[in-house]
N, C-alpha and C. Protein backbone atom coordinates (compact mmCIF):
# COMPACT_ATOMS: atom_id res chain seq x y z
N MET A 1 -47.89 69.94 -17.41
CA MET A 1 -49.14 69.69 -18.07
C MET A 1 -49.59 68.24 -17.89
N MET A 2 -48.91 67.51 -17.02
CA MET A 2 -49.33 66.14 -16.72
C MET A 2 -50.45 66.20 -15.68
N PRO A 3 -51.31 65.20 -15.67
CA PRO A 3 -52.39 65.21 -14.68
C PRO A 3 -51.85 64.99 -13.27
N GLY A 4 -52.22 65.87 -12.35
CA GLY A 4 -51.87 65.71 -10.94
C GLY A 4 -50.51 66.24 -10.52
N LEU A 5 -49.51 66.17 -11.38
CA LEU A 5 -48.16 66.57 -11.01
C LEU A 5 -47.48 67.11 -12.26
N ASN A 6 -46.77 68.23 -12.13
CA ASN A 6 -46.11 68.74 -13.33
C ASN A 6 -44.70 68.15 -13.44
N GLY A 7 -44.11 68.29 -14.61
CA GLY A 7 -42.80 67.70 -14.88
C GLY A 7 -41.70 68.23 -13.99
N PHE A 8 -41.80 69.50 -13.59
CA PHE A 8 -40.79 70.08 -12.72
C PHE A 8 -40.80 69.40 -11.34
N ASP A 9 -42.02 69.23 -10.80
CA ASP A 9 -42.15 68.58 -9.49
C ASP A 9 -41.70 67.12 -9.56
N LEU A 10 -42.06 66.44 -10.64
CA LEU A 10 -41.66 65.04 -10.81
C LEU A 10 -40.13 64.94 -10.90
N THR A 11 -39.53 65.85 -11.64
CA THR A 11 -38.07 65.87 -11.77
C THR A 11 -37.42 66.06 -10.41
N GLU A 12 -37.97 66.98 -9.63
CA GLU A 12 -37.43 67.25 -8.29
C GLU A 12 -37.52 66.00 -7.41
N LYS A 13 -38.64 65.27 -7.48
CA LYS A 13 -38.81 64.05 -6.68
C LYS A 13 -37.85 62.95 -7.13
N VAL A 14 -37.70 62.79 -8.44
CA VAL A 14 -36.78 61.78 -8.96
C VAL A 14 -35.36 62.11 -8.53
N ARG A 15 -34.98 63.38 -8.65
CA ARG A 15 -33.62 63.79 -8.29
C ARG A 15 -33.35 63.60 -6.80
N ALA A 16 -34.36 63.82 -5.96
CA ALA A 16 -34.18 63.65 -4.51
C ALA A 16 -33.96 62.18 -4.15
N ALA A 17 -34.53 61.27 -4.97
CA ALA A 17 -34.47 59.86 -4.64
C ALA A 17 -33.34 59.10 -5.34
N SER A 18 -32.84 59.63 -6.48
CA SER A 18 -31.82 58.87 -7.21
C SER A 18 -31.02 59.78 -8.13
N ASN A 19 -30.05 59.17 -8.76
CA ASN A 19 -29.22 59.88 -9.75
C ASN A 19 -29.60 59.48 -11.17
N THR A 20 -30.82 58.98 -11.35
CA THR A 20 -31.30 58.59 -12.66
C THR A 20 -31.25 59.78 -13.60
N PRO A 21 -30.67 59.61 -14.79
CA PRO A 21 -30.64 60.71 -15.74
C PRO A 21 -32.06 61.14 -16.13
N VAL A 22 -32.27 62.45 -16.27
CA VAL A 22 -33.59 62.99 -16.60
C VAL A 22 -33.46 63.96 -17.77
N ILE A 23 -34.27 63.70 -18.81
CA ILE A 23 -34.40 64.65 -19.92
C ILE A 23 -35.86 65.09 -19.91
N LEU A 24 -36.08 66.38 -19.80
CA LEU A 24 -37.43 66.90 -19.88
C LEU A 24 -37.77 67.13 -21.35
N LEU A 25 -38.85 66.51 -21.80
CA LEU A 25 -39.34 66.66 -23.16
C LEU A 25 -40.70 67.34 -23.03
N THR A 26 -40.77 68.60 -23.40
CA THR A 26 -41.94 69.39 -23.04
C THR A 26 -42.33 70.39 -24.13
N ALA A 27 -43.54 70.89 -24.02
CA ALA A 27 -44.02 71.95 -24.91
C ALA A 27 -43.66 73.32 -24.35
N ARG A 28 -43.22 73.37 -23.11
CA ARG A 28 -42.89 74.65 -22.47
C ARG A 28 -41.48 75.05 -22.85
N GLY A 29 -41.37 75.99 -23.77
CA GLY A 29 -40.07 76.34 -24.32
C GLY A 29 -39.54 77.70 -23.96
N LEU A 30 -40.21 78.41 -23.05
CA LEU A 30 -39.72 79.73 -22.65
C LEU A 30 -38.43 79.59 -21.84
N PRO A 31 -37.57 80.60 -21.93
CA PRO A 31 -36.30 80.53 -21.19
C PRO A 31 -36.48 80.27 -19.70
N GLN A 32 -37.49 80.90 -19.06
CA GLN A 32 -37.66 80.67 -17.62
C GLN A 32 -38.10 79.23 -17.33
N ASP A 33 -38.82 78.58 -18.26
CA ASP A 33 -39.20 77.17 -18.08
C ASP A 33 -37.97 76.27 -18.17
N ARG A 34 -37.12 76.54 -19.16
CA ARG A 34 -35.90 75.74 -19.31
C ARG A 34 -35.02 75.89 -18.07
N ILE A 35 -34.90 77.12 -17.59
CA ILE A 35 -34.08 77.38 -16.40
C ILE A 35 -34.66 76.64 -15.19
N GLU A 36 -35.98 76.72 -15.01
CA GLU A 36 -36.60 76.04 -13.87
C GLU A 36 -36.40 74.53 -13.96
N GLY A 37 -36.56 73.96 -15.15
CA GLY A 37 -36.37 72.52 -15.32
C GLY A 37 -34.96 72.08 -14.96
N LEU A 38 -33.98 72.85 -15.39
CA LEU A 38 -32.60 72.53 -15.07
C LEU A 38 -32.30 72.75 -13.59
N GLU A 39 -32.89 73.80 -13.00
CA GLU A 39 -32.71 74.04 -11.56
C GLU A 39 -33.31 72.92 -10.72
N LYS A 40 -34.40 72.31 -11.20
CA LYS A 40 -35.06 71.23 -10.46
C LYS A 40 -34.29 69.91 -10.57
N GLY A 41 -33.28 69.87 -11.45
CA GLY A 41 -32.45 68.68 -11.51
C GLY A 41 -32.42 67.95 -12.84
N ALA A 42 -33.07 68.48 -13.86
CA ALA A 42 -33.02 67.82 -15.17
C ALA A 42 -31.61 67.90 -15.73
N ASP A 43 -31.21 66.85 -16.43
CA ASP A 43 -29.89 66.83 -17.05
C ASP A 43 -29.91 67.48 -18.43
N ASP A 44 -31.08 67.48 -19.06
CA ASP A 44 -31.23 68.08 -20.38
C ASP A 44 -32.69 68.51 -20.53
N TYR A 45 -32.94 69.39 -21.48
CA TYR A 45 -34.28 69.95 -21.67
C TYR A 45 -34.49 70.08 -23.16
N LEU A 46 -35.53 69.46 -23.68
CA LEU A 46 -35.80 69.49 -25.10
C LEU A 46 -37.26 69.86 -25.31
N THR A 47 -37.50 70.86 -26.18
CA THR A 47 -38.87 71.31 -26.41
C THR A 47 -39.46 70.70 -27.67
N LYS A 48 -40.79 70.58 -27.64
CA LYS A 48 -41.53 70.09 -28.81
C LYS A 48 -41.76 71.26 -29.75
N PRO A 49 -41.80 71.07 -31.01
CA PRO A 49 -41.51 69.84 -31.72
C PRO A 49 -40.00 69.59 -31.72
N PHE A 50 -39.61 68.34 -31.84
CA PHE A 50 -38.20 67.98 -31.81
C PHE A 50 -37.93 66.97 -32.91
N GLU A 51 -36.68 66.84 -33.25
CA GLU A 51 -36.26 65.85 -34.22
C GLU A 51 -35.97 64.55 -33.46
N PRO A 52 -36.58 63.44 -33.84
CA PRO A 52 -36.35 62.18 -33.13
C PRO A 52 -34.87 61.80 -33.05
N ARG A 53 -34.14 62.07 -34.11
CA ARG A 53 -32.71 61.74 -34.09
C ARG A 53 -31.97 62.57 -33.04
N GLU A 54 -32.36 63.83 -32.88
CA GLU A 54 -31.75 64.69 -31.86
C GLU A 54 -32.01 64.11 -30.47
N LEU A 55 -33.24 63.66 -30.23
CA LEU A 55 -33.56 63.04 -28.94
C LEU A 55 -32.69 61.81 -28.70
N LEU A 56 -32.56 60.96 -29.70
CA LEU A 56 -31.72 59.77 -29.56
C LEU A 56 -30.28 60.12 -29.25
N LEU A 57 -29.76 61.14 -29.92
CA LEU A 57 -28.38 61.56 -29.67
C LEU A 57 -28.21 62.13 -28.26
N ARG A 58 -29.20 62.89 -27.81
CA ARG A 58 -29.14 63.44 -26.44
C ARG A 58 -29.21 62.33 -25.39
N VAL A 59 -30.08 61.34 -25.62
CA VAL A 59 -30.18 60.21 -24.70
C VAL A 59 -28.86 59.44 -24.68
N ALA A 60 -28.30 59.16 -25.84
CA ALA A 60 -27.02 58.43 -25.91
C ALA A 60 -25.91 59.19 -25.20
N SER A 61 -25.88 60.50 -25.41
CA SER A 61 -24.87 61.33 -24.75
C SER A 61 -25.02 61.31 -23.24
N LEU A 62 -26.25 61.44 -22.79
CA LEU A 62 -26.51 61.44 -21.35
C LEU A 62 -26.15 60.10 -20.72
N LEU A 63 -26.51 59.02 -21.38
CA LEU A 63 -26.17 57.69 -20.85
C LEU A 63 -24.66 57.48 -20.83
N ARG A 64 -23.97 57.96 -21.84
CA ARG A 64 -22.52 57.83 -21.90
C ARG A 64 -21.87 58.58 -20.74
N ARG A 65 -22.38 59.77 -20.44
CA ARG A 65 -21.81 60.58 -19.35
C ARG A 65 -22.18 60.05 -17.98
N SER A 66 -23.37 59.45 -17.87
CA SER A 66 -23.83 59.03 -16.54
C SER A 66 -23.40 57.63 -16.18
N ARG A 67 -22.90 56.89 -17.14
CA ARG A 67 -22.47 55.52 -16.87
C ARG A 67 -21.30 55.53 -15.91
N THR A 68 -21.46 54.81 -14.81
CA THR A 68 -20.36 54.72 -13.86
C THR A 68 -19.51 53.52 -14.26
N PRO A 69 -18.22 53.69 -14.26
CA PRO A 69 -17.38 52.56 -14.63
C PRO A 69 -17.52 51.46 -13.58
N GLY A 70 -17.67 50.25 -14.06
CA GLY A 70 -17.78 49.11 -13.16
C GLY A 70 -16.42 48.80 -12.57
N PRO A 71 -16.42 47.98 -11.55
CA PRO A 71 -15.14 47.61 -10.96
C PRO A 71 -14.31 46.81 -11.96
N ALA A 72 -13.03 47.01 -11.91
CA ALA A 72 -12.17 46.26 -12.80
C ALA A 72 -12.32 44.78 -12.47
N LYS A 73 -12.31 43.98 -13.51
CA LYS A 73 -12.44 42.55 -13.29
C LYS A 73 -11.22 42.07 -12.52
N ARG A 74 -11.49 41.42 -11.43
CA ARG A 74 -10.41 40.87 -10.63
C ARG A 74 -10.29 39.40 -10.98
N VAL A 75 -9.27 39.06 -11.73
CA VAL A 75 -9.06 37.69 -12.16
C VAL A 75 -7.78 37.19 -11.51
N ILE A 76 -7.91 36.05 -10.84
CA ILE A 76 -6.76 35.43 -10.18
C ILE A 76 -6.43 34.19 -10.98
N THR A 77 -5.18 34.11 -11.43
CA THR A 77 -4.79 32.95 -12.22
C THR A 77 -3.85 32.06 -11.41
N PHE A 78 -4.04 30.77 -11.62
CA PHE A 78 -3.16 29.77 -11.01
C PHE A 78 -3.13 28.57 -11.93
N GLY A 79 -1.93 28.33 -12.48
CA GLY A 79 -1.79 27.23 -13.44
C GLY A 79 -2.68 27.44 -14.65
N ALA A 80 -3.44 26.41 -15.00
CA ALA A 80 -4.34 26.46 -16.15
C ALA A 80 -5.67 27.09 -15.81
N CYS A 81 -5.83 27.56 -14.57
CA CYS A 81 -7.11 28.09 -14.11
C CYS A 81 -7.09 29.62 -13.98
N ALA A 82 -8.26 30.18 -14.19
CA ALA A 82 -8.47 31.62 -13.97
C ALA A 82 -9.80 31.75 -13.23
N PHE A 83 -9.77 32.48 -12.13
CA PHE A 83 -10.97 32.67 -11.32
C PHE A 83 -11.34 34.13 -11.35
N GLU A 84 -12.54 34.43 -11.90
CA GLU A 84 -13.04 35.80 -11.92
C GLU A 84 -13.82 35.99 -10.62
N PHE A 85 -13.23 36.74 -9.72
CA PHE A 85 -13.70 36.85 -8.34
C PHE A 85 -15.13 37.35 -8.24
N GLU A 86 -15.45 38.49 -8.86
CA GLU A 86 -16.77 39.09 -8.70
C GLU A 86 -17.88 38.22 -9.28
N ARG A 87 -17.62 37.60 -10.41
CA ARG A 87 -18.64 36.76 -11.06
C ARG A 87 -18.66 35.36 -10.49
N GLY A 88 -17.61 34.97 -9.76
CA GLY A 88 -17.56 33.63 -9.21
C GLY A 88 -17.44 32.57 -10.29
N GLU A 89 -16.67 32.90 -11.31
CA GLU A 89 -16.53 32.00 -12.45
C GLU A 89 -15.11 31.46 -12.53
N LEU A 90 -15.01 30.13 -12.54
CA LEU A 90 -13.72 29.47 -12.65
C LEU A 90 -13.61 28.85 -14.04
N ARG A 91 -12.47 29.08 -14.67
CA ARG A 91 -12.21 28.48 -15.99
C ARG A 91 -10.88 27.74 -15.92
N ARG A 92 -10.86 26.57 -16.55
CA ARG A 92 -9.63 25.79 -16.65
C ARG A 92 -9.37 25.61 -18.14
N GLU A 93 -8.23 26.12 -18.59
CA GLU A 93 -7.87 26.10 -20.00
C GLU A 93 -8.98 26.71 -20.86
N GLY A 94 -9.60 27.77 -20.34
CA GLY A 94 -10.64 28.50 -21.05
C GLY A 94 -12.03 27.92 -20.95
N GLU A 95 -12.16 26.72 -20.43
CA GLU A 95 -13.46 26.07 -20.31
C GLU A 95 -14.02 26.30 -18.91
N PRO A 96 -15.32 26.59 -18.80
CA PRO A 96 -15.91 26.80 -17.48
C PRO A 96 -15.87 25.53 -16.64
N VAL A 97 -15.61 25.72 -15.36
CA VAL A 97 -15.60 24.61 -14.40
C VAL A 97 -16.79 24.80 -13.48
N ARG A 98 -17.62 23.77 -13.39
CA ARG A 98 -18.80 23.83 -12.54
C ARG A 98 -18.38 23.65 -11.08
N LEU A 99 -18.79 24.59 -10.25
CA LEU A 99 -18.49 24.53 -8.82
C LEU A 99 -19.79 24.44 -8.04
N THR A 100 -19.77 23.67 -6.96
CA THR A 100 -20.91 23.68 -6.05
C THR A 100 -20.87 24.99 -5.28
N SER A 101 -21.95 25.31 -4.60
CA SER A 101 -21.98 26.56 -3.84
C SER A 101 -20.93 26.55 -2.73
N SER A 102 -20.70 25.39 -2.13
CA SER A 102 -19.67 25.30 -1.08
C SER A 102 -18.28 25.49 -1.65
N GLU A 103 -18.02 24.88 -2.82
CA GLU A 103 -16.72 25.03 -3.45
C GLU A 103 -16.48 26.47 -3.87
N LEU A 104 -17.51 27.11 -4.40
CA LEU A 104 -17.39 28.51 -4.81
C LEU A 104 -17.11 29.41 -3.60
N ALA A 105 -17.84 29.21 -2.53
CA ALA A 105 -17.63 30.02 -1.33
C ALA A 105 -16.22 29.80 -0.77
N LEU A 106 -15.76 28.57 -0.81
CA LEU A 106 -14.42 28.24 -0.33
C LEU A 106 -13.36 28.91 -1.20
N LEU A 107 -13.53 28.81 -2.53
CA LEU A 107 -12.56 29.43 -3.44
C LEU A 107 -12.57 30.95 -3.29
N ARG A 108 -13.72 31.54 -3.11
CA ARG A 108 -13.79 33.00 -2.89
C ARG A 108 -13.06 33.39 -1.62
N ALA A 109 -13.26 32.63 -0.56
CA ALA A 109 -12.60 32.93 0.71
C ALA A 109 -11.09 32.85 0.57
N LEU A 110 -10.61 31.85 -0.16
CA LEU A 110 -9.17 31.73 -0.38
C LEU A 110 -8.65 32.81 -1.33
N ALA A 111 -9.42 33.10 -2.38
CA ALA A 111 -8.99 34.10 -3.37
C ALA A 111 -9.02 35.52 -2.82
N ALA A 112 -9.79 35.74 -1.77
CA ALA A 112 -9.84 37.07 -1.15
C ALA A 112 -8.51 37.44 -0.52
N LYS A 113 -7.73 36.41 -0.16
CA LYS A 113 -6.42 36.63 0.45
C LYS A 113 -5.39 35.74 -0.23
N PRO A 114 -5.11 36.00 -1.51
CA PRO A 114 -4.18 35.12 -2.22
C PRO A 114 -2.80 35.11 -1.58
N GLY A 115 -2.25 33.91 -1.45
CA GLY A 115 -0.92 33.77 -0.87
C GLY A 115 -0.89 33.78 0.64
N GLU A 116 -2.03 34.02 1.29
CA GLU A 116 -2.09 34.06 2.75
C GLU A 116 -2.82 32.83 3.28
N ALA A 117 -2.39 32.38 4.44
CA ALA A 117 -3.06 31.26 5.08
C ALA A 117 -4.40 31.72 5.65
N VAL A 118 -5.43 30.92 5.40
CA VAL A 118 -6.76 31.19 5.94
C VAL A 118 -7.12 30.00 6.82
N SER A 119 -7.52 30.28 8.04
CA SER A 119 -7.80 29.20 8.98
C SER A 119 -9.01 28.39 8.57
N ARG A 120 -9.05 27.13 9.03
CA ARG A 120 -10.21 26.27 8.76
C ARG A 120 -11.48 26.91 9.32
N ALA A 121 -11.35 27.50 10.51
CA ALA A 121 -12.52 28.12 11.15
C ALA A 121 -13.06 29.26 10.28
N ALA A 122 -12.17 30.09 9.76
CA ALA A 122 -12.60 31.20 8.90
C ALA A 122 -13.20 30.67 7.61
N LEU A 123 -12.61 29.64 7.04
CA LEU A 123 -13.14 29.06 5.81
C LEU A 123 -14.52 28.45 6.06
N ALA A 124 -14.68 27.77 7.19
CA ALA A 124 -15.98 27.17 7.52
C ALA A 124 -17.03 28.26 7.69
N GLU A 125 -16.66 29.34 8.35
CA GLU A 125 -17.60 30.44 8.59
C GLU A 125 -17.98 31.14 7.29
N GLN A 126 -17.00 31.44 6.46
CA GLN A 126 -17.25 32.18 5.22
C GLN A 126 -17.96 31.35 4.16
N SER A 127 -17.83 30.03 4.25
CA SER A 127 -18.45 29.19 3.22
C SER A 127 -19.65 28.42 3.74
N SER A 128 -20.09 28.73 4.95
CA SER A 128 -21.27 28.09 5.55
C SER A 128 -21.13 26.57 5.64
N ILE A 129 -19.91 26.11 5.85
CA ILE A 129 -19.68 24.68 6.05
C ILE A 129 -19.85 24.43 7.54
N ALA A 130 -20.61 23.40 7.87
CA ALA A 130 -21.02 23.16 9.26
C ALA A 130 -19.84 22.97 10.21
N MET A 131 -18.86 22.17 9.82
CA MET A 131 -17.76 21.88 10.74
C MET A 131 -16.42 22.17 10.07
N GLU A 132 -15.44 22.50 10.89
CA GLU A 132 -14.12 22.82 10.36
C GLU A 132 -13.53 21.65 9.58
N ARG A 133 -13.72 20.44 10.07
CA ARG A 133 -13.15 19.27 9.38
C ARG A 133 -13.82 19.04 8.03
N SER A 134 -15.04 19.52 7.85
CA SER A 134 -15.71 19.40 6.55
C SER A 134 -15.03 20.27 5.50
N VAL A 135 -14.30 21.26 5.94
CA VAL A 135 -13.53 22.11 5.02
C VAL A 135 -12.53 21.24 4.27
N ASP A 136 -11.91 20.28 4.97
CA ASP A 136 -10.92 19.41 4.33
C ASP A 136 -11.54 18.63 3.16
N VAL A 137 -12.76 18.16 3.35
CA VAL A 137 -13.45 17.41 2.29
C VAL A 137 -13.69 18.33 1.09
N GLN A 138 -14.16 19.55 1.35
CA GLN A 138 -14.42 20.48 0.25
C GLN A 138 -13.13 20.89 -0.46
N VAL A 139 -12.04 21.03 0.29
CA VAL A 139 -10.76 21.37 -0.32
C VAL A 139 -10.32 20.24 -1.24
N THR A 140 -10.50 19.00 -0.79
CA THR A 140 -10.13 17.84 -1.62
C THR A 140 -10.92 17.86 -2.93
N ARG A 141 -12.21 18.13 -2.85
CA ARG A 141 -13.04 18.19 -4.06
C ARG A 141 -12.63 19.34 -4.97
N LEU A 142 -12.31 20.47 -4.37
CA LEU A 142 -11.89 21.63 -5.16
C LEU A 142 -10.54 21.36 -5.82
N ARG A 143 -9.64 20.71 -5.11
CA ARG A 143 -8.33 20.39 -5.69
C ARG A 143 -8.48 19.49 -6.92
N ARG A 144 -9.43 18.57 -6.90
CA ARG A 144 -9.65 17.69 -8.05
C ARG A 144 -10.01 18.49 -9.30
N LYS A 145 -10.63 19.62 -9.10
CA LYS A 145 -11.05 20.44 -10.23
C LYS A 145 -9.97 21.42 -10.68
N ILE A 146 -9.03 21.73 -9.80
CA ILE A 146 -8.04 22.76 -10.07
C ILE A 146 -6.65 22.19 -10.37
N GLU A 147 -6.23 21.28 -9.55
CA GLU A 147 -4.85 20.79 -9.59
C GLU A 147 -4.63 19.77 -10.70
N ASP A 148 -3.41 19.76 -11.27
CA ASP A 148 -3.03 18.72 -12.21
C ASP A 148 -2.91 17.39 -11.48
N ASP A 149 -2.31 17.43 -10.30
CA ASP A 149 -2.18 16.25 -9.46
C ASP A 149 -2.70 16.62 -8.07
N PRO A 150 -3.96 16.28 -7.75
CA PRO A 150 -4.54 16.67 -6.46
C PRO A 150 -3.79 16.12 -5.25
N ARG A 151 -3.01 15.05 -5.44
CA ARG A 151 -2.25 14.48 -4.32
C ARG A 151 -0.99 15.28 -4.01
N ALA A 152 -0.54 16.05 -4.98
CA ALA A 152 0.61 16.93 -4.79
C ALA A 152 0.18 18.34 -5.20
N PRO A 153 -0.67 18.97 -4.40
CA PRO A 153 -1.24 20.27 -4.79
C PRO A 153 -0.21 21.39 -4.85
N MET A 154 -0.35 22.21 -5.89
CA MET A 154 0.52 23.36 -6.05
C MET A 154 -0.21 24.67 -5.73
N PHE A 155 -1.53 24.69 -5.95
CA PHE A 155 -2.25 25.95 -5.87
C PHE A 155 -3.05 26.11 -4.59
N ILE A 156 -3.66 25.06 -4.09
CA ILE A 156 -4.31 25.13 -2.78
C ILE A 156 -3.42 24.36 -1.82
N GLN A 157 -2.61 25.12 -1.12
CA GLN A 157 -1.61 24.54 -0.23
C GLN A 157 -2.15 24.38 1.19
N THR A 158 -1.77 23.29 1.82
CA THR A 158 -2.10 23.09 3.22
C THR A 158 -1.07 23.84 4.06
N VAL A 159 -1.55 24.62 5.01
CA VAL A 159 -0.67 25.32 5.94
C VAL A 159 -0.86 24.63 7.29
N ARG A 160 0.10 23.83 7.65
CA ARG A 160 -0.01 22.99 8.85
C ARG A 160 -0.36 23.81 10.09
N GLY A 161 -1.34 23.31 10.81
CA GLY A 161 -1.76 23.95 12.05
C GLY A 161 -2.62 25.19 11.86
N VAL A 162 -2.84 25.58 10.61
CA VAL A 162 -3.63 26.80 10.35
C VAL A 162 -4.83 26.48 9.48
N GLY A 163 -4.57 26.14 8.22
CA GLY A 163 -5.65 25.91 7.27
C GLY A 163 -5.11 25.76 5.88
N TYR A 164 -5.51 26.65 4.98
CA TYR A 164 -5.13 26.55 3.59
C TYR A 164 -4.81 27.93 3.03
N ALA A 165 -4.05 27.88 1.90
CA ALA A 165 -3.70 29.13 1.19
C ALA A 165 -3.79 28.87 -0.29
N LEU A 166 -4.34 29.83 -1.03
CA LEU A 166 -4.38 29.79 -2.48
C LEU A 166 -3.11 30.47 -2.98
N MET A 167 -2.36 29.75 -3.79
CA MET A 167 -1.09 30.29 -4.30
C MET A 167 -1.25 30.61 -5.78
N PRO A 168 -1.54 31.88 -6.10
CA PRO A 168 -1.71 32.26 -7.51
C PRO A 168 -0.36 32.33 -8.22
N ASP A 169 -0.42 32.45 -9.56
CA ASP A 169 0.80 32.58 -10.35
C ASP A 169 1.55 33.84 -9.98
């Protein structure tokens, strides 16, 4: 009963394009209408008149069922620091640590392979640092933010002839 397009056709188009939950709220309450609405892809069908609380409960139920679980938070800890990989958030003793975009990209590249050596070339490429030797400068800056003693690093280790490795707890 909508102008130009009926709810069944709209439901079919929405369903073809996405997995967005759909509840049809309509005056058409005959059994064949409900069946057609569900066949076209509606997740639920509610006829008028309806109780507002019932609609709210149906919406809440549908959202609860359709919610896809997000990826588990991947947190890498090293010493007093915790790095939440997906969010790109570094905390030291619970306090946020401000990282430049280069430092963040470098830490992500190292955290993607904890305990493994990552070459300077790979770090330069993944963090958009112009030259391989510039990686050393960024590592020094990052160590100042992470290490208790940046001159004797425990967590961002130099791997001679290769590059660097992040050594988590």
